[in-house]
């Protein structure tokens, strides 16, 4: 996937926060593919992933005014997407249609995501961006507005915390 120009993205976020629907549409266009890939990876179903994306972007639109740092938009959006996917995975209506092996896989994914979400916020974001979105260290550091060394420390610390948890 292509790298997103963070200065451009920050400008779009600020304009969208001021009420520009065109800026929000551009934000959607710039982030849709990555967010869809993330939702599809989590849910394993293209239709559920599309539903998750719709809900993710609706929530983001409603709450965009609360985002205080435009540089954190991608991490913030990914967190919303994560929460929406987790809600879908927990939805009993979705579970009824699954085969037993799929149910076990969904339970495993949900449990793992709960463990990741229990980490400190920055560690959780770095882990999700690295393993689920498959972003590189420089891209994660850039999107979270931190140095590469700090990003690697958060990743290492997050891994250590996850190893201590009972899976």
Foldseek 3Di string as FASTA:
>chain_A
DDFDDLVLQLVLLVVVLVPDPVSLVVNCVRCVVLLLQLLCLLQVDNVSSVVLSVVLSVVCSVCSNVDPGSLQVVLVSSVSSLVSSLVVLVDVVNVVVDDPVVVVVSVVSSVLLVQLVPDPSLLSSLCCCCPRSVDDLVSSCRSVVHDSVVSVVSPVVSVVSSVPDDD
